[in-house]
Amino acid sequence: MDPNAPTADRIRRFLEEEPVVWLSTVRPNGDPHLVPIWFWWDGEALLVFSKPHAQKVRNLRVNRSVMLALGDADDDFDVGMVEGEAELLAEPARVEWLAGHVKKYGARMAAIGLSGEEFATTYSQVIRIRPLRYLTWHGRTTPASLGGPVERMDARWREAIRRVALGLDRRTPAIAS
């Protein structure tokens, strides 16, 4: 991957700044499984701390392929996706991994009454996700993650949405009562 490419820059910014990403795994029967997760980006891989018997861990024992969704769709779908390969680490979390994670989420942990030690004990299964492919997605405007302002809808779109919401658009059939 070209480290200077806009896609890589956007994804890197998401990985460094986002507090939560959505992790998609595949259940042993082939059904999808999607969960929001906390993570720590070490510059090369995402580190996730999980309960050892969580569904995502059971899924990864069968299929290591994952997809992550990052970003906030509120800003014209300024999001990124990462295809990756997950590894369930056998060894306990390294001190620096836990320190990075607690630094990022310490206030959130404290808000739910969870100490760093309790977190490490409860979420003892370390999952290391190595990105393989990056994909960004955005609507019609310049994505905020490229550093530019997010343009708002132009007047035509605002008016069209207003007309539909008020039932003024005659192309939309009325609902019979």
Protein backbone atom coordinates (compact mmCIF):
# COMPACT_ATOMS: atom_id res chain seq x y z
CA MET A 1 0.00 0.00 0.00
CA ASP A 2 1.27 3.44 -0.90
CA PRO A 3 1.63 5.28 2.42
CA ASN A 4 1.07 8.60 0.62
CA ALA A 5 -2.23 7.61 -0.97
CA PRO A 6 -5.31 9.56 0.19
CA THR A 7 -7.08 6.30 1.05
CA ALA A 8 -4.26 5.21 3.36
CA ASP A 9 -4.18 8.64 5.01
CA ARG A 10 -7.93 8.61 5.63
CA ILE A 11 -7.88 5.08 7.06
CA ARG A 12 -4.87 5.90 9.24
CA ARG A 13 -6.69 8.96 10.61
CA PHE A 14 -9.76 6.82 11.37
CA LEU A 15 -7.62 4.21 13.13
CA GLU A 16 -5.84 6.83 15.21
CA GLU A 17 -8.93 8.87 16.16
CA GLU A 18 -12.03 6.67 16.23
CA PRO A 19 -13.11 5.41 19.66
CA VAL A 20 -15.22 2.52 18.32
CA VAL A 21 -15.13 0.42 15.17
CA TRP A 22 -17.53 -2.24 13.96
CA LEU A 23 -16.02 -5.71 13.65
CA SER A 24 -17.59 -8.20 11.27
CA THR A 25 -16.74 -11.89 11.55
CA VAL A 26 -18.35 -15.03 10.16
CA ARG A 27 -20.04 -17.58 12.40
CA PRO A 28 -19.14 -21.25 11.88
CA ASN A 29 -22.47 -21.76 10.05
CA GLY A 30 -21.64 -18.94 7.61
CA ASP A 31 -23.90 -16.26 9.12
CA PRO A 32 -22.40 -12.80 9.64
CA HIS A 33 -21.69 -11.43 13.12
CA LEU A 34 -21.22 -7.70 13.68
CA VAL A 35 -20.25 -5.97 16.93
CA PRO A 36 -18.92 -2.58 18.01
CA ILE A 37 -15.53 -2.83 19.68
CA TRP A 38 -12.91 -0.79 21.47
CA PHE A 39 -9.48 -1.15 19.94
CA TRP A 40 -5.97 0.16 20.09
CA TRP A 41 -4.01 0.87 16.92
CA ASP A 42 -0.27 0.26 17.35
CA GLY A 43 0.63 1.63 13.94
CA GLU A 44 0.62 -1.78 12.24
CA ALA A 45 -2.32 -3.71 13.64
CA LEU A 46 -5.48 -3.28 15.70
CA LEU A 47 -5.43 -4.85 19.10
CA VAL A 48 -8.75 -5.91 20.56
CA PHE A 49 -9.25 -7.26 24.06
CA SER A 50 -12.14 -9.69 24.33
CA LYS A 51 -13.80 -12.05 26.74
CA PRO A 52 -12.27 -15.45 25.89
CA HIS A 53 -15.59 -17.14 25.08
CA ALA A 54 -17.22 -14.28 23.14
CA GLN A 55 -18.95 -15.08 19.86
CA LYS A 56 -16.35 -13.14 17.87
CA VAL A 57 -13.59 -15.31 19.38
CA ARG A 58 -15.48 -18.51 18.55
CA ASN A 59 -15.93 -17.22 15.01
CA LEU A 60 -12.23 -16.40 14.62
CA ARG A 61 -11.24 -19.92 15.70
CA VAL A 62 -12.93 -21.12 12.47
CA ASN A 63 -12.38 -18.19 10.07
CA ARG A 64 -9.73 -15.49 10.61
CA SER A 65 -11.10 -13.11 7.96
CA VAL A 66 -12.62 -9.88 9.29
CA MET A 67 -13.94 -6.58 8.07
CA LEU A 68 -13.96 -3.39 10.09
CA ALA A 69 -16.12 -0.32 9.52
CA LEU A 70 -14.68 2.99 10.75
CA GLY A 71 -15.88 6.57 10.83
CA ASP A 72 -19.12 8.43 11.25
CA ALA A 73 -21.77 8.12 8.57
CA ASP A 74 -23.31 11.45 9.65
CA ASP A 75 -20.82 13.41 7.56
CA ASP A 76 -21.96 12.31 4.11
CA PHE A 77 -20.94 8.70 4.73
CA ASP A 78 -17.33 9.61 5.45
CA VAL A 79 -16.36 6.09 6.47
CA GLY A 80 -13.60 3.61 5.89
CA MET A 81 -13.49 -0.14 5.76
CA VAL A 82 -10.61 -2.47 6.46
CA GLU A 83 -10.39 -6.08 5.36
CA GLY A 84 -8.04 -7.96 7.60
CA GLU A 85 -6.83 -11.16 9.10
CA ALA A 86 -7.23 -11.77 12.81
CA GLU A 87 -4.96 -13.74 15.06
CA LEU A 88 -5.96 -15.00 18.50
CA LEU A 89 -2.85 -14.51 20.59
CA ALA A 90 -2.01 -17.25 23.08
CA GLU A 91 0.10 -15.03 25.31
CA PRO A 92 -1.37 -12.42 27.65
CA ALA A 93 -1.45 -8.80 26.64
CA ARG A 94 1.85 -6.94 26.76
CA VAL A 95 2.05 -4.15 29.30
CA GLU A 96 2.44 -1.50 26.57
CA TRP A 97 -0.69 -2.75 24.79
CA LEU A 98 -2.75 -2.52 27.94
CA ALA A 99 -1.25 0.88 28.77
CA GLY A 100 -2.21 2.21 25.33
CA HIS A 101 -5.70 0.80 25.62
CA VAL A 102 -6.24 2.12 29.15
CA LYS A 103 -4.91 5.53 28.10
CA LYS A 104 -7.43 5.63 25.25
CA TYR A 105 -10.41 4.27 27.21
CA GLY A 106 -9.57 5.00 30.85
CA ALA A 107 -12.29 7.63 31.29
CA ARG A 108 -14.89 5.35 29.71
CA MET A 109 -13.79 2.44 31.89
CA ALA A 110 -13.98 4.60 35.01
CA ALA A 111 -17.47 5.76 34.00
CA ILE A 112 -18.69 2.14 34.12
CA GLY A 113 -16.71 1.30 37.26
CA LEU A 114 -14.08 -0.83 35.52
CA SER A 115 -10.42 -0.56 36.56
CA GLY A 116 -7.55 -1.34 34.22
CA GLU A 117 -6.82 -4.51 36.18
CA GLU A 118 -10.45 -5.68 36.00
CA PHE A 119 -10.47 -4.92 32.29
CA ALA A 120 -7.31 -6.99 31.69
CA THR A 121 -8.74 -9.90 33.69
CA THR A 122 -12.20 -9.86 32.09
CA TYR A 123 -11.07 -9.15 28.52
CA SER A 124 -8.04 -11.44 28.55
CA GLN A 125 -8.18 -12.76 24.97
CA VAL A 126 -6.04 -10.55 22.75
CA ILE A 127 -7.04 -10.37 19.10
CA ARG A 128 -4.50 -8.87 16.71
CA ILE A 129 -6.00 -7.72 13.41
CA ARG A 130 -3.61 -7.10 10.55
CA PRO A 131 -5.11 -4.92 7.79
CA LEU A 132 -4.87 -6.42 4.31
CA ARG A 133 -6.93 -4.00 2.23
CA TYR A 134 -8.37 -0.53 2.80
CA LEU A 135 -11.48 0.96 1.27
CA THR A 136 -12.98 4.39 1.83
CA TRP A 137 -16.51 5.51 1.15
CA HIS A 138 -18.15 8.89 1.05
CA GLY A 139 -21.07 10.61 -0.60
CA ARG A 140 -21.05 13.57 -2.94
CA THR A 141 -19.03 15.98 -0.83
CA THR A 142 -15.37 16.28 0.06
CA PRO A 143 -14.82 13.92 3.00
CA ALA A 144 -13.96 15.56 6.31
CA SER A 145 -11.26 12.94 6.79
CA LEU A 146 -9.37 14.42 3.83
CA GLY A 147 -8.99 17.58 5.88
CA GLY A 148 -11.52 19.68 3.98
CA PRO A 149 -14.80 21.00 5.24
CA VAL A 150 -17.81 18.82 4.74
CA GLU A 151 -20.09 20.56 2.29
CA ARG A 152 -23.72 20.48 3.22
CA MET A 153 -26.53 19.54 0.88
CA ASP A 154 -27.20 22.03 -1.83
CA ALA A 155 -30.54 23.87 -1.94
CA ARG A 156 -32.07 21.49 -4.52
CA TRP A 157 -31.54 18.45 -2.29
CA ARG A 158 -32.81 20.24 0.81
CA GLU A 159 -35.95 21.33 -1.02
CA ALA A 160 -36.55 17.84 -2.46
CA ILE A 161 -36.24 16.26 1.01
CA ARG A 162 -38.52 18.93 2.51
CA ARG A 163 -41.16 18.34 -0.17
CA VAL A 164 -41.14 14.57 0.34
CA ALA A 165 -41.26 14.96 4.14
CA LEU A 166 -44.25 17.31 3.88
CA GLY A 167 -46.00 15.13 1.32
CA LEU A 168 -45.78 17.84 -1.34
CA ASP A 169 -43.99 15.71 -3.92
CA ARG A 170 -46.77 14.46 -6.21
CA ARG A 171 -44.49 11.81 -7.72
CA THR A 172 -44.71 9.97 -4.41
CA PRO A 173 -48.04 8.12 -4.18
CA ALA A 174 -50.18 9.08 -1.23
CA ILE A 175 -50.88 6.46 1.39
CA ALA A 176 -54.56 5.55 1.45
CA SER A 177 -56.18 5.85 4.84
